[in-house]
Amino acid sequence: MFSQTRFSADLSAVDAVVQAAIDRGEVPGAVLVVGTADGILYRKAYGHRALKPNPISMTPDTVFDMASLTKPTATATSIMILIERGQLKLDDRIAQHIPAFAQNGKQLITVEQLLLHRGGLTPDNSLKDYVGTRQDMIDRIHELPTRWEPGTTYKYTDVGFIVLGELIQAIDGRTIDVFAKEEIFTPLKMNDTTFKPTGQLAERCAPTEFIDEKWRLAEVHDPRSYRLGGVAGHAGLFSTADDLARYCQMMLNQGQLDGVRILSKETFATMTTPRELYGDDNGWRTYGFSTHTSDRSARGAVFTPDSSFGHTGWTGTAYWIDPDNDLFYVLLTSRCHPNGSDGQAGPIRREVATFVGEVLIEGGD
């Protein structure tokens, strides 16, 4: 679709954009990968993986806490695989497969509504619900009432994706970490992508905050996922920029990469078609991805508004995929390190996305 001159395009000026964010103290460092369906155009690490307790330089193979990138990369993709196999339907009620979920007005909530954050569930339930065994915690989620009439209002919710993660196990028998690894990550050779990293992967992790008298390293930052044991549908995944680049290339190739098909073309199209949200956002989302909603900072000013898609994570992670322009970028930071919410990734995402779009879309035809 696009000229091979893209592979000789000079993206080095993006270095100054990233370095400026580091100099402003917004992030300690970053890893950036830019590519197309066929190859990588740019790949670089900046700054530091860790500043405390001892400085460690960033490397391209640094493993990051993905936070909410778990939602599309692991959970939504797994749900779409089950739908493609006929084990689940978008209009299935969650309670058909998890009867306990039907409590307190939730009996009609569908898979589609949870994928679009339109199920009427609270964004986050109280941390007081996350005590006892994992099943105790899940039981309390099943007991939650709705806050809005299902299907009427878009409210971004971690709780909905926790439920989708449980739905995968209810349908398939495998927990989400096992299902996603066996059905997505291993086939795509995303060998550094996992929940609960150990060994050499743990040693390459970027730390987040100082919590419970120690630096949170190789353990999920999200407090609800942490209490659930590090495996949940909304957060808990760890990965590298190179591995996420393979996922993005799979999506640019309509569900397949290097001869391995994860989603059929039809399922890919279903997953990535923008759906109007209405409610107080009046934007658009796909099944698992942001497109044109209030959290679209990672799209920048040039990526196609109506058909590109991506996601962000609280810890400072992001990717954006533009099939119309055969282009993606992955930008990973650990903006929670070392001072928690003092860091911010919004500006660097917008600036990097806009720069990449200006060079490779506006200037690359």
Protein backbone atom coordinates (compact mmCIF):
# COMPACT_ATOMS: atom_id res chain seq x y z
CA MET A 1 0.00 0.00 0.00
CA PHE A 2 2.81 2.36 0.85
CA SER A 3 6.19 3.00 -0.68
CA GLN A 4 9.27 1.13 0.49
CA THR A 5 10.75 4.56 1.19
CA ARG A 6 9.04 4.25 4.56
CA PHE A 7 11.83 1.88 5.57
CA SER A 8 14.38 4.60 4.89
CA ALA A 9 12.39 7.39 6.56
CA ASP A 10 14.30 9.29 9.20
CA LEU A 11 12.52 8.99 12.53
CA SER A 12 15.48 10.02 14.65
CA ALA A 13 13.94 13.40 15.49
CA VAL A 14 11.47 11.53 17.71
CA ASP A 15 14.36 11.03 20.11
CA ALA A 16 14.12 14.68 21.15
CA VAL A 17 10.39 14.27 21.82
CA VAL A 18 10.98 11.35 24.15
CA GLN A 19 13.98 12.94 25.82
CA ALA A 20 11.98 16.09 26.54
CA ALA A 21 9.42 14.05 28.50
CA ILE A 22 12.23 12.41 30.45
CA ASP A 23 13.80 15.81 31.15
CA ARG A 24 10.43 17.10 32.39
CA GLY A 25 10.36 14.25 34.88
CA GLU A 26 7.18 12.75 33.41
CA VAL A 27 8.74 9.33 32.80
CA PRO A 28 12.11 7.85 33.79
CA GLY A 29 12.60 6.26 30.40
CA ALA A 30 10.84 4.63 27.48
CA VAL A 31 11.01 2.00 24.75
CA LEU A 32 9.57 2.86 21.34
CA VAL A 33 8.90 0.55 18.41
CA VAL A 34 7.33 1.76 15.15
CA GLY A 35 6.41 -0.62 12.36
CA THR A 36 4.17 -1.87 9.59
CA ALA A 37 2.57 -5.22 8.87
CA ASP A 38 5.81 -6.34 7.23
CA GLY A 39 8.57 -4.97 9.39
CA ILE A 40 9.99 -2.69 12.05
CA LEU A 41 10.84 0.88 11.05
CA TYR A 42 12.30 2.18 14.32
CA ARG A 43 13.24 0.71 17.68
CA LYS A 44 14.97 2.49 20.53
CA ALA A 45 15.30 2.58 24.32
CA TYR A 46 15.66 5.84 26.25
CA GLY A 47 16.56 6.92 29.75
CA HIS A 48 16.29 4.59 32.70
CA ARG A 49 14.43 1.40 33.49
CA ALA A 50 14.82 2.25 37.17
CA LEU A 51 15.94 5.30 39.10
CA LYS A 52 15.60 3.78 42.58
CA PRO A 53 16.91 2.05 44.57
CA ASN A 54 19.75 2.09 42.04
CA PRO A 55 19.83 3.58 38.52
CA ILE A 56 19.49 1.02 35.71
CA SER A 57 19.59 2.05 32.06
CA MET A 58 16.61 1.26 29.88
CA THR A 59 17.11 -1.55 27.36
CA PRO A 60 14.88 -2.53 24.42
CA ASP A 61 14.05 -5.86 26.08
CA THR A 62 12.78 -4.30 29.32
CA VAL A 63 9.64 -6.02 30.60
CA PHE A 64 6.83 -3.66 31.60
CA ASP A 65 3.65 -4.01 33.62
CA MET A 66 1.03 -3.63 30.88
CA ALA A 67 -1.80 -2.56 33.22
CA SER A 68 -4.92 -2.06 31.05
CA LEU A 69 -3.22 -3.23 27.86
CA THR A 70 -4.19 -6.57 29.39
CA LYS A 71 -7.78 -5.84 28.35
CA PRO A 72 -7.38 -5.92 24.56
CA THR A 73 -4.19 -7.97 24.24
CA ALA A 74 -5.19 -10.87 26.47
CA THR A 75 -8.85 -10.68 27.47
CA ALA A 76 -10.72 -9.29 24.48
CA THR A 77 -8.64 -11.29 21.99
CA SER A 78 -9.32 -14.46 23.99
CA ILE A 79 -13.05 -13.69 24.06
CA MET A 80 -13.05 -13.22 20.28
CA ILE A 81 -11.28 -16.57 19.85
CA LEU A 82 -14.03 -18.27 21.86
CA ILE A 83 -16.67 -16.50 19.77
CA GLU A 84 -14.99 -17.59 16.55
CA ARG A 85 -15.00 -21.19 17.78
CA GLY A 86 -18.71 -21.05 18.50
CA GLN A 87 -18.27 -21.47 22.25
CA LEU A 88 -19.64 -18.02 22.98
CA LYS A 89 -21.75 -15.34 21.30
CA LEU A 90 -21.61 -11.58 21.61
CA ASP A 91 -25.25 -11.45 22.68
CA ASP A 92 -24.86 -14.20 25.26
CA ARG A 93 -25.81 -13.11 28.74
CA ILE A 94 -22.91 -13.49 31.16
CA ALA A 95 -25.30 -15.21 33.56
CA GLN A 96 -25.85 -18.02 31.04
CA HIS A 97 -22.30 -19.13 31.75
CA ILE A 98 -21.79 -17.75 35.27
CA PRO A 99 -25.19 -18.07 37.02
CA ALA A 100 -23.97 -16.32 40.19
CA PHE A 101 -23.43 -13.14 38.16
CA ALA A 102 -27.21 -12.69 37.72
CA GLN A 103 -27.60 -11.10 41.17
CA ASN A 104 -28.78 -7.53 41.72
CA GLY A 105 -29.90 -6.50 38.26
CA LYS A 106 -27.11 -8.10 36.22
CA GLN A 107 -29.02 -10.99 34.70
CA LEU A 108 -29.31 -9.44 31.22
CA ILE A 109 -25.77 -8.03 30.83
CA THR A 110 -24.17 -9.38 27.66
CA VAL A 111 -20.65 -10.15 26.49
CA GLU A 112 -20.87 -7.31 23.98
CA GLN A 113 -21.86 -4.80 26.64
CA LEU A 114 -18.85 -5.69 28.79
CA LEU A 115 -16.47 -5.49 25.82
CA LEU A 116 -17.76 -1.96 25.17
CA HIS A 117 -17.87 -0.90 28.85
CA ARG A 118 -21.66 -0.53 28.58
CA GLY A 119 -22.72 -3.16 31.08
CA GLY A 120 -23.74 -0.73 33.80
CA LEU A 121 -21.05 -1.92 36.20
CA THR A 122 -19.09 0.28 38.58
CA PRO A 123 -15.67 1.30 37.25
CA ASP A 124 -13.95 -0.12 40.37
CA ASN A 125 -15.43 -1.78 43.42
CA SER A 126 -14.01 -1.16 46.88
CA LEU A 127 -10.69 -2.69 47.83
CA LYS A 128 -12.52 -3.93 50.93
CA ASP A 129 -14.09 -6.51 48.61
CA TYR A 130 -10.66 -7.99 47.88
CA VAL A 131 -10.00 -9.98 51.03
CA GLY A 132 -10.09 -13.70 51.71
CA THR A 133 -9.67 -16.26 48.96
CA ARG A 134 -9.75 -15.43 45.27
CA GLN A 135 -13.17 -17.03 45.05
CA ASP A 136 -14.37 -14.84 47.92
CA MET A 137 -13.34 -11.79 45.91
CA ILE A 138 -15.02 -13.01 42.72
CA ASP A 139 -18.17 -13.84 44.69
CA ARG A 140 -18.33 -10.23 45.91
CA ILE A 141 -18.08 -9.01 42.32
CA HIS A 142 -20.99 -11.28 41.41
CA GLU A 143 -22.97 -9.69 44.24
CA LEU A 144 -22.41 -6.12 43.04
CA PRO A 145 -25.46 -4.17 41.86
CA THR A 146 -25.49 -2.29 38.59
CA ARG A 147 -24.96 1.47 38.71
CA TRP A 148 -26.53 2.24 35.34
CA GLU A 149 -29.06 0.42 33.22
CA PRO A 150 -27.07 -2.06 31.12
CA GLY A 151 -26.63 -0.99 27.52
CA THR A 152 -27.39 2.69 28.09
CA THR A 153 -24.19 4.30 29.34
CA TYR A 154 -20.48 4.04 28.59
CA LYS A 155 -18.43 3.89 31.79
CA TYR A 156 -14.92 2.52 31.50
CA THR A 157 -14.77 -0.31 34.01
CA ASP A 158 -12.10 -2.65 35.29
CA VAL A 159 -14.81 -4.75 36.95
CA GLY A 160 -16.35 -5.65 33.58
CA PHE A 161 -13.06 -7.02 32.31
CA ILE A 162 -12.44 -8.94 35.53
CA VAL A 163 -15.76 -10.65 34.77
CA LEU A 164 -14.72 -11.32 31.16
CA GLY A 165 -11.54 -12.92 32.43
CA GLU A 166 -13.62 -15.21 34.64
CA LEU A 167 -15.92 -15.92 31.70
CA ILE A 168 -13.00 -17.34 29.70
CA GLN A 169 -12.35 -19.88 32.44
CA ALA A 170 -16.05 -20.68 32.78
CA ILE A 171 -16.29 -21.44 29.06
CA ASP A 172 -12.94 -23.08 28.38
CA GLY A 173 -11.70 -24.37 31.73
CA ARG A 174 -8.33 -22.64 31.39
CA THR A 175 -7.60 -19.52 33.40
CA ILE A 176 -7.02 -16.38 31.35
CA ASP A 177 -3.24 -16.47 31.80
CA VAL A 178 -3.02 -20.02 30.48
CA PHE A 179 -5.56 -19.51 27.69
CA ALA A 180 -3.91 -16.32 26.40
CA LYS A 181 -0.44 -17.82 26.54
CA GLU A 182 -1.43 -21.00 24.70
CA GLU A 183 -3.78 -19.42 22.14
CA ILE A 184 -2.15 -16.02 21.50
CA PHE A 185 1.32 -15.42 22.90
CA THR A 186 3.07 -18.73 22.20
CA PRO A 187 1.74 -19.02 18.62
CA LEU A 188 2.87 -15.42 17.95
CA LYS A 189 6.29 -16.10 19.53
CA MET A 190 5.62 -13.42 22.12
CA ASN A 191 8.03 -15.24 24.39
CA ASP A 192 8.44 -12.43 26.92
CA THR A 193 4.70 -11.95 27.48
CA THR A 194 3.11 -13.48 30.55
CA PHE A 195 1.29 -12.95 33.80
CA LYS A 196 3.42 -13.24 36.98
CA PRO A 197 6.90 -13.09 35.40
CA THR A 198 9.68 -15.06 37.06
CA GLY A 199 13.37 -15.76 36.53
CA GLN A 200 15.13 -13.74 33.84
CA LEU A 201 11.89 -12.03 32.85
CA ALA A 202 11.47 -10.74 36.39
CA GLU A 203 15.05 -9.47 36.38
CA ARG A 204 14.30 -7.41 33.26
CA CYS A 205 11.14 -5.81 34.67
CA ALA A 206 10.79 -2.07 35.14
CA PRO A 207 9.75 -1.28 38.73
CA THR A 208 6.75 0.87 39.54
CA GLU A 209 6.09 2.32 42.99
CA PHE A 210 7.45 1.79 46.49
CA ILE A 211 4.58 -0.15 48.06
CA ASP A 212 4.43 -2.13 51.29
CA GLU A 213 8.01 -1.19 52.17
CA LYS A 214 9.49 -2.45 48.90
CA TRP A 215 9.72 -1.54 45.25
CA ARG A 216 6.95 -3.20 43.26
CA LEU A 217 8.95 -5.25 40.74
CA ALA A 218 7.68 -8.11 38.56
CA GLU A 219 4.38 -7.94 40.47
CA VAL A 220 1.34 -6.19 39.09
CA HIS A 221 0.85 -2.58 40.19
CA ASP A 222 -2.95 -2.63 39.98
CA PRO A 223 -4.23 -3.24 43.53
CA ARG A 224 -7.21 -5.40 42.55
CA SER A 225 -5.24 -7.63 40.23
CA TYR A 226 -2.54 -7.85 42.89
CA ARG A 227 -5.02 -9.09 45.47
CA LEU A 228 -6.43 -11.54 42.93
CA GLY A 229 -2.98 -13.11 42.71
CA GLY A 230 -1.71 -11.19 39.68
CA VAL A 231 -4.05 -12.81 37.16
CA ALA A 232 -7.15 -10.91 36.09
CA GLY A 233 -8.93 -9.81 32.95
CA HIS A 234 -8.28 -6.10 33.46
CA ALA A 235 -4.60 -6.04 34.50
CA GLY A 236 -1.70 -8.34 35.26
CA LEU A 237 -0.03 -8.90 31.91
CA PHE A 238 3.69 -8.15 31.47
CA SER A 239 5.37 -7.76 28.09
CA THR A 240 8.04 -6.03 26.01
CA ALA A 241 7.80 -3.56 23.16
CA ASP A 242 9.07 -6.18 20.70
CA ASP A 243 6.41 -8.68 21.74
CA LEU A 244 3.64 -6.09 21.50
CA ALA A 245 4.97 -5.16 18.07
CA ARG A 246 4.28 -8.75 16.99
CA TYR A 247 0.73 -8.46 18.31
CA CYS A 248 0.26 -5.18 16.42
CA GLN A 249 1.62 -6.72 13.22
CA MET A 250 -0.81 -9.62 13.63
CA MET A 251 -3.65 -7.11 13.82
CA LEU A 252 -2.38 -5.20 10.78
CA ASN A 253 -2.35 -8.53 8.92
CA GLN A 254 -6.02 -9.06 9.82
CA GLY A 255 -5.45 -11.72 12.42
CA GLN A 256 -2.34 -13.57 11.31
CA LEU A 257 1.44 -13.28 11.39
CA ASP A 258 4.16 -15.41 9.83
CA GLY A 259 1.65 -17.98 8.68
CA VAL A 260 0.04 -18.32 12.11
CA ARG A 261 -3.58 -17.25 12.30
CA ILE A 262 -4.94 -16.08 15.65
CA LEU A 263 -8.23 -14.61 14.40
CA SER A 264 -10.05 -15.13 11.13
CA LYS A 265 -10.41 -12.10 8.89
CA GLU A 266 -14.08 -12.01 9.75
CA THR A 267 -13.42 -12.11 13.49
CA PHE A 268 -10.73 -9.46 13.15
CA ALA A 269 -13.21 -7.22 11.35
CA THR A 270 -15.86 -7.81 14.00
CA MET A 271 -13.43 -7.07 16.81
CA THR A 272 -12.06 -3.84 15.32
CA THR A 273 -15.18 -2.23 13.85
CA PRO A 274 -15.98 0.98 15.81
CA ARG A 275 -19.26 0.87 17.74
CA GLU A 276 -21.06 4.02 18.85
CA LEU A 277 -21.25 4.36 22.61
CA TYR A 278 -23.81 7.13 23.28
CA GLY A 279 -24.18 8.07 26.93
CA ASP A 280 -22.05 10.85 28.40
CA ASP A 281 -19.06 10.13 26.16
CA ASN A 282 -20.72 9.91 22.74
CA GLY A 283 -17.58 8.36 21.32
CA TRP A 284 -16.72 5.07 19.71
CA ARG A 285 -14.96 1.89 20.82
CA THR A 286 -14.32 -1.52 19.33
CA TYR A 287 -14.56 -4.81 21.19
CA GLY A 288 -11.63 -4.23 23.51
CA PHE A 289 -9.96 -1.18 21.96
CA SER A 290 -10.32 2.56 22.21
CA THR A 291 -10.92 4.43 18.96
CA HIS A 292 -12.54 7.83 19.29
CA THR A 293 -13.26 8.32 22.99
CA SER A 294 -12.07 10.56 25.78
CA ASP A 295 -9.05 8.31 26.43
CA ARG A 296 -7.70 8.64 22.88
CA SER A 297 -4.55 10.64 23.68
CA ALA A 298 -2.43 7.79 22.35
CA ARG A 299 -3.88 8.31 18.84
CA GLY A 300 -2.24 11.69 18.38
CA ALA A 301 -3.33 14.15 15.70
CA VAL A 302 -2.71 12.16 12.51
CA PHE A 303 -3.64 8.49 12.94
CA THR A 304 -7.00 7.80 11.28
CA PRO A 305 -9.77 8.87 13.70
CA ASP A 306 -12.49 6.52 12.52
CA SER A 307 -10.64 3.25 11.96
CA SER A 308 -7.42 3.20 13.96
CA PHE A 309 -7.49 1.68 17.42
CA GLY A 310 -5.35 1.06 20.45
CA HIS A 311 -5.21 1.23 24.22
CA THR A 312 -3.32 2.72 27.13
CA GLY A 313 -2.32 1.46 30.55
CA TRP A 314 -2.16 3.25 33.90
CA THR A 315 1.49 2.36 34.38
CA GLY A 316 2.44 4.29 31.23
CA THR A 317 1.99 1.78 28.43
CA ALA A 318 0.34 2.30 25.04
CA TYR A 319 0.06 1.10 21.48
CA TRP A 320 -1.90 2.35 18.50
CA ILE A 321 -2.71 0.52 15.27
CA ASP A 322 -3.81 2.13 11.99
CA PRO A 323 -4.81 -0.48 9.38
CA ASP A 324 -5.73 2.15 6.78
CA ASN A 325 -2.17 3.44 6.86
CA ASP A 326 -0.43 0.13 7.62
CA LEU A 327 1.26 1.57 10.68
CA PHE A 328 1.58 1.04 14.41
CA TYR A 329 3.64 2.24 17.31
CA VAL A 330 4.31 0.81 20.76
CA LEU A 331 5.46 3.17 23.51
CA LEU A 332 6.20 1.70 26.92
CA THR A 333 7.12 3.70 30.00
CA SER A 334 6.93 3.14 33.74
CA ARG A 335 5.49 6.51 34.62
CA CYS A 336 4.59 5.33 38.15
CA HIS A 337 8.30 5.10 38.96
CA PRO A 338 9.59 6.40 41.23
CA ASN A 339 6.87 8.68 42.62
CA GLY A 340 3.56 7.12 41.72
CA SER A 341 1.05 9.49 40.20
CA ASP A 342 3.61 12.30 39.89
CA GLY A 343 4.55 10.81 36.52
CA GLN A 344 2.42 11.17 33.43
CA ALA A 345 2.40 9.48 30.05
CA GLY A 346 -0.33 11.44 28.25
CA PRO A 347 1.91 14.16 26.78
CA ILE A 348 4.59 11.80 25.48
CA ARG A 349 1.96 9.53 23.92
CA ARG A 350 0.29 12.38 22.06
CA GLU A 351 3.58 13.87 20.91
CA VAL A 352 5.12 10.59 19.76
CA ALA A 353 1.94 9.48 17.98
CA THR A 354 1.63 12.82 16.22
CA PHE A 355 5.28 12.85 15.17
CA VAL A 356 5.10 9.30 13.81
CA GLY A 357 1.93 10.15 11.91
CA GLU A 358 3.35 13.33 10.45
CA VAL A 359 6.48 11.58 9.15
CA LEU A 360 4.98 8.29 7.96
CA ILE A 361 1.41 9.15 7.04
CA GLU A 362 1.34 12.81 5.98
CA GLY A 363 4.87 12.64 4.61
CA GLY A 364 5.08 9.01 3.61
CA ASP A 365 2.68 8.48 0.72
